[in-house]
PDB file of N, CA and C in Angstrom:
ATOM      1  N   MET A   1       0.836  -1.232  -0.033  1.00  0.00           N
ATOM      2  CA  MET A   1       0.071  -0.059  -0.004  1.00  0.00           C
ATOM      3  C   MET A   1       0.939   1.230   0.034  1.00  0.00           C
ATOM      4  N   LYS A   2       0.482   2.239  -0.858  1.00  0.00           N
ATOM      5  CA  LYS A   2       1.292   3.428  -0.954  1.00  0.00           C
ATOM      6  C   LYS A   2       0.794   4.476   0.048  1.00  0.00           C
ATOM      7  N   LYS A   3       1.686   4.976   0.904  1.00  0.00           N
ATOM      8  CA  LYS A   3       1.291   6.040   1.811  1.00  0.00           C
ATOM      9  C   LYS A   3       1.205   7.314   1.203  1.00  0.00           C
ATOM     10  N   ALA A   4       0.174   8.114   1.653  1.00  0.00           N
ATOM     11  CA  ALA A   4      -0.056   9.489   1.140  1.00  0.00           C
ATOM     12  C   ALA A   4       1.116  10.354   1.589  1.00  0.00           C
ATOM     13  N   GLU A   5       1.277  11.459   0.939  1.00  0.00           N
ATOM     14  CA  GLU A   5       2.410  12.415   1.245  1.00  0.00           C
ATOM     15  C   GLU A   5       1.623  13.758   1.549  1.00  0.00           C
ATOM     16  N   VAL A   6       2.404  14.667   2.173  1.00  0.00           N
ATOM     17  CA  VAL A   6       1.843  15.944   2.542  1.00  0.00           C
ATOM     18  C   VAL A   6       1.320  16.716   1.198  1.00  0.00           C
ATOM     19  N   GLY A   7       0.147  17.185   1.268  1.00  0.00           N
ATOM     20  CA  GLY A   7      -0.490  17.785   0.125  1.00  0.00           C
ATOM     21  C   GLY A   7      -1.348  16.989  -0.828  1.00  0.00           C
ATOM     22  N   ASN A   8      -1.254  15.647  -0.668  1.00  0.00           N
ATOM     23  CA  ASN A   8      -2.144  14.768  -1.359  1.00  0.00           C
ATOM     24  C   ASN A   8      -3.557  14.791  -0.871  1.00  0.00           C
ATOM     25  N   VAL A   9      -4.511  14.635  -1.757  1.00  0.00           N
ATOM     26  CA  VAL A   9      -5.962  14.553  -1.375  1.00  0.00           C
ATOM     27  C   VAL A   9      -6.294  13.105  -1.195  1.00  0.00           C
ATOM     28  N   ILE A  10      -6.873  12.711  -0.034  1.00  0.00           N
ATOM     29  CA  ILE A  10      -7.350  11.350   0.266  1.00  0.00           C
ATOM     30  C   ILE A  10      -8.813  11.296   0.425  1.00  0.00           C
ATOM     31  N   GLU A  11      -9.359  10.128   0.255  1.00  0.00           N
ATOM     32  CA  GLU A  11     -10.754   9.880   0.436  1.00  0.00           C
ATOM     33  C   GLU A  11     -10.964   8.743   1.533  1.00  0.00           C
ATOM     34  N   PHE A  12     -11.810   8.945   2.436  1.00  0.00           N
ATOM     35  CA  PHE A  12     -11.906   7.901   3.528  1.00  0.00           C
ATOM     36  C   PHE A  12     -13.377   7.990   4.026  1.00  0.00           C
ATOM     37  N   ARG A  13     -13.708   7.046   4.871  1.00  0.00           N
ATOM     38  CA  ARG A  13     -15.059   6.913   5.504  1.00  0.00           C
ATOM     39  C   ARG A  13     -16.259   7.604   4.747  1.00  0.00           C
ATOM     40  N   ASP A  14     -16.764   6.790   3.905  1.00  0.00           N
ATOM     41  CA  ASP A  14     -18.022   7.229   3.220  1.00  0.00           C
ATOM     42  C   ASP A  14     -17.872   8.413   2.282  1.00  0.00           C
ATOM     43  N   GLY A  15     -16.732   8.607   1.694  1.00  0.00           N
ATOM     44  CA  GLY A  15     -16.575   9.715   0.690  1.00  0.00           C
ATOM     45  C   GLY A  15     -16.024  10.975   1.170  1.00  0.00           C
ATOM     46  N   LEU A  16     -15.670  11.026   2.465  1.00  0.00           N
ATOM     47  CA  LEU A  16     -15.140  12.308   2.975  1.00  0.00           C
ATOM     48  C   LEU A  16     -13.695  12.468   2.332  1.00  0.00           C
ATOM     49  N   GLN A  17     -13.329  13.682   2.072  1.00  0.00           N
ATOM     50  CA  GLN A  17     -11.992  14.044   1.392  1.00  0.00           C
ATOM     51  C   GLN A  17     -11.335  15.111   2.216  1.00  0.00           C
ATOM     52  N   GLY A  18     -10.030  15.077   2.151  1.00  0.00           N
ATOM     53  CA  GLY A  18      -9.288  16.048   2.781  1.00  0.00           C
ATOM     54  C   GLY A  18      -7.765  16.196   2.277  1.00  0.00           C
ATOM     55  N   VAL A  19      -7.025  17.181   2.690  1.00  0.00           N
ATOM     56  CA  VAL A  19      -5.741  17.401   2.152  1.00  0.00           C
ATOM     57  C   VAL A  19      -4.801  16.844   3.432  1.00  0.00           C
ATOM     58  N   VAL A  20      -3.796  16.046   3.079  1.00  0.00           N
ATOM     59  CA  VAL A  20      -2.798  15.516   4.012  1.00  0.00           C
ATOM     60  C   VAL A  20      -1.918  16.709   4.524  1.00  0.00           C
ATOM     61  N   GLU A  21      -1.932  16.968   5.809  1.00  0.00           N
ATOM     62  CA  GLU A  21      -1.051  17.995   6.366  1.00  0.00           C
ATOM     63  C   GLU A  21       0.104  17.393   7.020  1.00  0.00           C
ATOM     64  N   LYS A  22       0.128  16.168   7.552  1.00  0.00           N
ATOM     65  CA  LYS A  22       1.263  15.598   8.330  1.00  0.00           C
ATOM     66  C   LYS A  22       1.142  14.054   8.097  1.00  0.00           C
ATOM     67  N   VAL A  23       2.290  13.451   7.864  1.00  0.00           N
ATOM     68  CA  VAL A  23       2.335  12.028   7.812  1.00  0.00           C
ATOM     69  C   VAL A  23       2.942  11.475   9.003  1.00  0.00           C
ATOM     70  N   ASN A  24       2.363  10.555   9.700  1.00  0.00           N
ATOM     71  CA  ASN A  24       2.952   9.900  10.943  1.00  0.00           C
ATOM     72  C   ASN A  24       3.245   8.395  10.545  1.00  0.00           C
ATOM     73  N   GLU A  25       3.686   7.651  11.430  1.00  0.00           N
ATOM     74  CA  GLU A  25       4.174   6.330  11.272  1.00  0.00           C
ATOM     75  C   GLU A  25       2.930   5.481  10.886  1.00  0.00           C
ATOM     76  N   ASN A  26       1.801   5.644  11.575  1.00  0.00           N
ATOM     77  CA  ASN A  26       0.618   4.839  11.261  1.00  0.00           C
ATOM     78  C   ASN A  26      -0.586   5.543  10.787  1.00  0.00           C
ATOM     79  N   SER A  27      -0.504   6.908  10.604  1.00  0.00           N
ATOM     80  CA  SER A  27      -1.644   7.559  10.250  1.00  0.00           C
ATOM     81  C   SER A  27      -1.246   8.915   9.508  1.00  0.00           C
ATOM     82  N   VAL A  28      -2.197   9.693   9.076  1.00  0.00           N
ATOM     83  CA  VAL A  28      -2.067  11.000   8.530  1.00  0.00           C
ATOM     84  C   VAL A  28      -2.995  11.952   9.185  1.00  0.00           C
ATOM     85  N   ILE A  29      -2.633  13.163   9.209  1.00  0.00           N
ATOM     86  CA  ILE A  29      -3.550  14.165   9.693  1.00  0.00           C
ATOM     87  C   ILE A  29      -4.103  14.935   8.578  1.00  0.00           C
ATOM     88  N   VAL A  30      -5.365  15.060   8.481  1.00  0.00           N
ATOM     89  CA  VAL A  30      -6.082  15.633   7.313  1.00  0.00           C
ATOM     90  C   VAL A  30      -6.855  16.812   7.638  1.00  0.00           C
ATOM     91  N   ASP A  31      -6.721  17.842   6.695  1.00  0.00           N
ATOM     92  CA  ASP A  31      -7.523  19.092   6.742  1.00  0.00           C
ATOM     93  C   ASP A  31      -8.868  18.870   5.927  1.00  0.00           C
ATOM     94  N   LEU A  32      -9.987  18.857   6.561  1.00  0.00           N
ATOM     95  CA  LEU A  32     -11.245  18.576   5.925  1.00  0.00           C
ATOM     96  C   LEU A  32     -11.814  19.727   5.337  1.00  0.00           C
ATOM     97  N   THR A  33     -11.350  20.986   5.490  1.00  0.00           N
ATOM     98  CA  THR A  33     -11.866  22.214   4.821  1.00  0.00           C
ATOM     99  C   THR A  33     -11.769  22.190   3.351  1.00  0.00           C
ATOM    100  N   TYR A  34     -11.039  21.173   2.824  1.00  0.00           N
ATOM    101  CA  TYR A  34     -10.933  21.058   1.329  1.00  0.00           C
ATOM    102  C   TYR A  34     -12.317  20.769   0.641  1.00  0.00           C
ATOM    103  N   MET A  35     -13.158  20.179   1.337  1.00  0.00           N
ATOM    104  CA  MET A  35     -14.521  19.806   0.779  1.00  0.00           C
ATOM    105  C   MET A  35     -15.391  21.070   0.693  1.00  0.00           C
ATOM    106  N   ASP A  36     -16.101  21.185  -0.430  1.00  0.00           N
ATOM    107  CA  ASP A  36     -16.984  22.291  -0.532  1.00  0.00           C
ATOM    108  C   ASP A  36     -18.121  22.327   0.489  1.00  0.00           C
ATOM    109  N   ASN A  37     -18.587  21.121   0.903  1.00  0.00           N
ATOM    110  CA  ASN A  37     -19.737  21.047   1.895  1.00  0.00           C
ATOM    111  C   ASN A  37     -19.283  20.842   3.317  1.00  0.00           C
ATOM    112  N   TYR A  38     -17.987  21.232   3.598  1.00  0.00           N
ATOM    113  CA  TYR A  38     -17.464  21.080   4.922  1.00  0.00           C
ATOM    114  C   TYR A  38     -18.276  21.646   6.018  1.00  0.00           C
ATOM    115  N   ARG A  39     -18.762  22.894   5.805  1.00  0.00           N
ATOM    116  CA  ARG A  39     -19.584  23.564   6.937  1.00  0.00           C
ATOM    117  C   ARG A  39     -20.884  22.887   7.062  1.00  0.00           C
ATOM    118  N   ASP A  40     -21.407  22.406   6.031  1.00  0.00           N
ATOM    119  CA  ASP A  40     -22.783  21.724   6.077  1.00  0.00           C
ATOM    120  C   ASP A  40     -22.692  20.464   6.935  1.00  0.00           C
ATOM    121  N   LEU A  41     -21.486  19.738   6.887  1.00  0.00           N
ATOM    122  CA  LEU A  41     -21.370  18.461   7.562  1.00  0.00           C
ATOM    123  C   LEU A  41     -21.068  18.605   9.049  1.00  0.00           C
ATOM    124  N   GLU A  42     -20.809  19.855   9.479  1.00  0.00           N
ATOM    125  CA  GLU A  42     -20.531  20.159  10.933  1.00  0.00           C
ATOM    126  C   GLU A  42     -19.457  19.217  11.505  1.00  0.00           C
ATOM    127  N   LEU A  43     -18.290  19.072  10.775  1.00  0.00           N
ATOM    128  CA  LEU A  43     -17.212  18.246  11.254  1.00  0.00           C
ATOM    129  C   LEU A  43     -16.097  19.154  11.840  1.00  0.00           C
ATOM    130  N   GLU A  44     -15.189  18.521  12.540  1.00  0.00           N
ATOM    131  CA  GLU A  44     -14.015  19.236  13.068  1.00  0.00           C
ATOM    132  C   GLU A  44     -13.207  19.612  11.837  1.00  0.00           C
ATOM    133  N   GLN A  45     -12.320  20.569  11.969  1.00  0.00           N
ATOM    134  CA  GLN A  45     -11.462  21.007  10.822  1.00  0.00           C
ATOM    135  C   GLN A  45     -10.486  20.003  10.410  1.00  0.00           C
ATOM    136  N   LYS A  46      -9.872  19.237  11.387  1.00  0.00           N
ATOM    137  CA  LYS A  46      -8.904  18.301  11.073  1.00  0.00           C
ATOM    138  C   LYS A  46      -9.257  16.906  11.773  1.00  0.00           C
ATOM    139  N   THR A  47      -8.647  15.847  11.164  1.00  0.00           N
ATOM    140  CA  THR A  47      -8.946  14.441  11.675  1.00  0.00           C
ATOM    141  C   THR A  47      -7.677  13.669  11.448  1.00  0.00           C
ATOM    142  N   VAL A  48      -7.616  12.523  12.087  1.00  0.00           N
ATOM    143  CA  VAL A  48      -6.565  11.626  11.996  1.00  0.00           C
ATOM    144  C   VAL A  48      -7.152  10.366  11.265  1.00  0.00           C
ATOM    145  N   VAL A  49      -6.489   9.886  10.296  1.00  0.00           N
ATOM    146  CA  VAL A  49      -6.872   8.574   9.562  1.00  0.00           C
ATOM    147  C   VAL A  49      -5.755   7.669   9.429  1.00  0.00           C
ATOM    148  N   ASN A  50      -5.983   6.428   9.789  1.00  0.00           N
ATOM    149  CA  ASN A  50      -5.000   5.421   9.669  1.00  0.00           C
ATOM    150  C   ASN A  50      -4.643   5.096   8.176  1.00  0.00           C
ATOM    151  N   HIS A  51      -3.460   4.688   7.907  1.00  0.00           N
ATOM    152  CA  HIS A  51      -3.021   4.451   6.585  1.00  0.00           C
ATOM    153  C   HIS A  51      -3.896   3.345   5.881  1.00  0.00           C
ATOM    154  N   LYS A  52      -4.377   2.396   6.670  1.00  0.00           N
ATOM    155  CA  LYS A  52      -5.220   1.313   6.076  1.00  0.00           C
ATOM    156  C   LYS A  52      -6.648   1.883   5.632  1.00  0.00           C
ATOM    157  N   ASN A  53      -6.965   2.994   6.098  1.00  0.00           N
ATOM    158  CA  ASN A  53      -8.425   3.417   5.905  1.00  0.00           C
ATOM    159  C   ASN A  53      -8.658   4.540   4.934  1.00  0.00           C
ATOM    160  N   TYR A  54      -7.694   4.832   4.012  1.00  0.00           N
ATOM    161  CA  TYR A  54      -7.919   5.815   2.954  1.00  0.00           C
ATOM    162  C   TYR A  54      -7.351   5.373   1.661  1.00  0.00           C
ATOM    163  N   LYS A  55      -7.841   6.089   0.613  1.00  0.00           N
ATOM    164  CA  LYS A  55      -7.239   5.911  -0.692  1.00  0.00           C
ATOM    165  C   LYS A  55      -6.817   7.412  -1.185  1.00  0.00           C
ATOM    166  N   ILE A  56      -5.780   7.351  -1.924  1.00  0.00           N
ATOM    167  CA  ILE A  56      -5.231   8.687  -2.497  1.00  0.00           C
ATOM    168  C   ILE A  56      -6.064   8.956  -3.760  1.00  0.00           C
ATOM    169  N   VAL A  57      -6.681  10.138  -3.864  1.00  0.00           N
ATOM    170  CA  VAL A  57      -7.441  10.553  -5.037  1.00  0.00           C
ATOM    171  C   VAL A  57      -6.792  11.546  -5.862  1.00  0.00           C
ATOM    172  N   LYS A  58      -5.804  12.314  -5.325  1.00  0.00           N
ATOM    173  CA  LYS A  58      -5.133  13.348  -6.029  1.00  0.00           C
ATOM    174  C   LYS A  58      -3.619  13.479  -5.489  1.00  0.00           C
ATOM    175  N   VAL A  59      -2.759  13.369  -6.265  1.00  0.00           N
ATOM    176  CA  VAL A  59      -1.250  13.410  -5.906  1.00  0.00           C
ATOM    177  C   VAL A  59      -0.759  14.859  -6.270  1.00  0.00           C
ATOM    178  N   THR A  60      -0.149  15.468  -5.362  1.00  0.00           N
ATOM    179  CA  THR A  60       0.429  16.769  -5.759  1.00  0.00           C
ATOM    180  C   THR A  60       1.763  16.647  -6.312  1.00  0.00           C
ATOM    181  N   GLU A  61       2.099  17.579  -7.268  1.00  0.00           N
ATOM    182  CA  GLU A  61       3.466  17.467  -7.913  1.00  0.00           C
ATOM    183  C   GLU A  61       4.542  17.970  -6.932  1.00  0.00           C
ATOM    184  N   LYS A  62       5.659  17.287  -7.003  1.00  0.00           N
ATOM    185  CA  LYS A  62       6.749  17.877  -6.115  1.00  0.00           C
ATOM    186  C   LYS A  62       7.489  18.906  -6.872  1.00  0.00           C
ATOM    187  N   ALA A  63       7.978  19.900  -6.158  1.00  0.00           N
ATOM    188  CA  ALA A  63       8.648  20.902  -6.768  1.00  0.00           C
ATOM    189  C   ALA A  63      10.145  20.648  -7.109  1.00  0.00           C
TER     190      ALA A  63
END
């Protein structure tokens, strides 16, 4: 399984998406404000997702 990197967009738990802000050994910290309907869902701004529980939907280009 390929781990996400900082800046990648991932999808997890029933279609939620977010931008990876930090990569840890077993998980990533994700900014959920990436989603257009973020405010409607009444979610916290950030969450932690285990590497086993997401898929990468957009890879950012490295400089």
